[in-house]
Amino acid sequence: MPAPDRIIRLNTVLARTGLSRSTIYRKIAEGTFPAQFKISTHGTGWRESDINRWVENPVKWRPEDEAGDGR
């Protein structure tokens, strides 16, 4: 049974990517960075696997539904 995907918060995303907060949100708007999702009334998070995929290849990263085969 595969391990469940962890949800990570903004501070962890900042540390793993080396990007600033404003750059992350600009890239989300451009579609070149994984979007966060709501985890509570006032909280959001990212799937760890999405951030790991972005860190592996930030230039070619695309959302999973657009990635297709050959990622």
C-alpha atoms as a PDB file:
ATOM      1  CA  MET A   1       0.000   0.000   0.000  1.00  0.00           C
ATOM      2  CA  PRO A   2       1.584   3.321  -1.057  1.00  0.00           C
ATOM      3  CA  ALA A   3       2.131   6.004   1.548  1.00  0.00           C
ATOM      4  CA  PRO A   4      -0.436   8.816   1.477  1.00  0.00           C
ATOM      5  CA  ASP A   5       0.665  12.103  -0.040  1.00  0.00           C
ATOM      6  CA  ARG A   6       1.592  14.605   2.682  1.00  0.00           C
ATOM      7  CA  ILE A   7       0.214  18.121   2.750  1.00  0.00           C
ATOM      8  CA  ILE A   8       2.868  20.775   3.277  1.00  0.00           C
ATOM      9  CA  ARG A   9       2.422  24.420   4.232  1.00  0.00           C
ATOM     10  CA  LEU A  10       3.888  27.589   2.754  1.00  0.00           C
ATOM     11  CA  ASN A  11       7.000  27.749   4.959  1.00  0.00           C
ATOM     12  CA  THR A  12       8.016  24.250   3.850  1.00  0.00           C
ATOM     13  CA  VAL A  13       7.367  25.112   0.201  1.00  0.00           C
ATOM     14  CA  LEU A  14       9.502  28.255   0.561  1.00  0.00           C
ATOM     15  CA  ALA A  15      12.349  26.248   2.098  1.00  0.00           C
ATOM     16  CA  ARG A  16      12.250  23.472  -0.513  1.00  0.00           C
ATOM     17  CA  THR A  17      12.024  25.700  -3.566  1.00  0.00           C
ATOM     18  CA  GLY A  18      14.153  28.671  -2.550  1.00  0.00           C
ATOM     19  CA  LEU A  19      11.512  30.953  -4.044  1.00  0.00           C
ATOM     20  CA  SER A  20       9.967  33.971  -2.344  1.00  0.00           C
ATOM     21  CA  ARG A  21       6.313  34.047  -1.376  1.00  0.00           C
ATOM     22  CA  SER A  22       5.477  36.595  -4.086  1.00  0.00           C
ATOM     23  CA  THR A  23       7.278  34.536  -6.748  1.00  0.00           C
ATOM     24  CA  ILE A  24       5.345  31.414  -5.780  1.00  0.00           C
ATOM     25  CA  TYR A  25       1.993  33.189  -6.097  1.00  0.00           C
ATOM     26  CA  ARG A  26       3.035  34.833  -9.391  1.00  0.00           C
ATOM     27  CA  LYS A  27       4.055  31.444 -10.792  1.00  0.00           C
ATOM     28  CA  ILE A  28       0.749  29.911  -9.639  1.00  0.00           C
ATOM     29  CA  ALA A  29      -1.093  32.650 -11.564  1.00  0.00           C
ATOM     30  CA  GLU A  30       1.081  31.935 -14.634  1.00  0.00           C
ATOM     31  CA  GLY A  31       0.394  28.194 -14.353  1.00  0.00           C
ATOM     32  CA  THR A  32       4.071  27.316 -13.861  1.00  0.00           C
ATOM     33  CA  PHE A  33       3.865  26.223 -10.204  1.00  0.00           C
ATOM     34  CA  PRO A  34       1.518  23.833  -8.367  1.00  0.00           C
ATOM     35  CA  ALA A  35      -1.542  25.585  -6.956  1.00  0.00           C
ATOM     36  CA  GLN A  36      -2.362  25.348  -3.289  1.00  0.00           C
ATOM     37  CA  PHE A  37      -5.700  24.010  -2.072  1.00  0.00           C
ATOM     38  CA  LYS A  38      -7.859  24.798   0.931  1.00  0.00           C
ATOM     39  CA  ILE A  39      -7.316  22.509   3.936  1.00  0.00           C
ATOM     40  CA  SER A  40      -9.350  24.492   6.481  1.00  0.00           C
ATOM     41  CA  THR A  41     -11.286  27.736   6.793  1.00  0.00           C
ATOM     42  CA  HIS A  42      -8.127  29.833   6.969  1.00  0.00           C
ATOM     43  CA  GLY A  43      -5.442  27.418   5.791  1.00  0.00           C
ATOM     44  CA  THR A  44      -4.042  26.173   2.517  1.00  0.00           C
ATOM     45  CA  GLY A  45      -1.432  23.604   1.612  1.00  0.00           C
ATOM     46  CA  TRP A  46       0.294  21.862  -1.266  1.00  0.00           C
ATOM     47  CA  ARG A  47       0.631  18.174  -2.081  1.00  0.00           C
ATOM     48  CA  GLU A  48       4.210  17.174  -1.348  1.00  0.00           C
ATOM     49  CA  SER A  49       4.380  15.131  -4.551  1.00  0.00           C
ATOM     50  CA  ASP A  50       3.472  18.195  -6.647  1.00  0.00           C
ATOM     51  CA  ILE A  51       6.240  20.257  -5.045  1.00  0.00           C
ATOM     52  CA  ASN A  52       8.729  17.396  -5.441  1.00  0.00           C
ATOM     53  CA  ARG A  53       7.855  17.130  -9.146  1.00  0.00           C
ATOM     54  CA  TRP A  54       8.366  20.883  -9.551  1.00  0.00           C
ATOM     55  CA  VAL A  55      11.739  20.794  -7.750  1.00  0.00           C
ATOM     56  CA  GLU A  56      12.926  17.936  -9.996  1.00  0.00           C
ATOM     57  CA  ASN A  57      12.264  19.941 -13.169  1.00  0.00           C
ATOM     58  CA  PRO A  58      10.890  23.474 -12.710  1.00  0.00           C
ATOM     59  CA  VAL A  59      11.242  24.446 -16.378  1.00  0.00           C
ATOM     60  CA  LYS A  60       9.146  21.586 -17.744  1.00  0.00           C
ATOM     61  CA  TRP A  61       6.656  21.336 -14.865  1.00  0.00           C
ATOM     62  CA  ARG A  62       2.998  21.286 -15.881  1.00  0.00           C
ATOM     63  CA  PRO A  63      -0.122  20.399 -13.889  1.00  0.00           C
ATOM     64  CA  GLU A  64      -0.712  16.630 -13.868  1.00  0.00           C
ATOM     65  CA  ASP A  65      -3.830  16.846 -16.051  1.00  0.00           C
ATOM     66  CA  GLU A  66      -1.742  18.641 -18.735  1.00  0.00           C
ATOM     67  CA  ALA A  67       1.477  16.647 -18.308  1.00  0.00           C
ATOM     68  CA  GLY A  68       0.440  13.610 -20.349  1.00  0.00           C
ATOM     69  CA  ASP A  69       2.861  10.754 -20.926  1.00  0.00           C
ATOM     70  CA  GLY A  70       6.619  11.131 -20.856  1.00  0.00           C
ATOM     71  CA  ARG A  71       6.961  13.430 -17.853  1.00  0.00           C
END
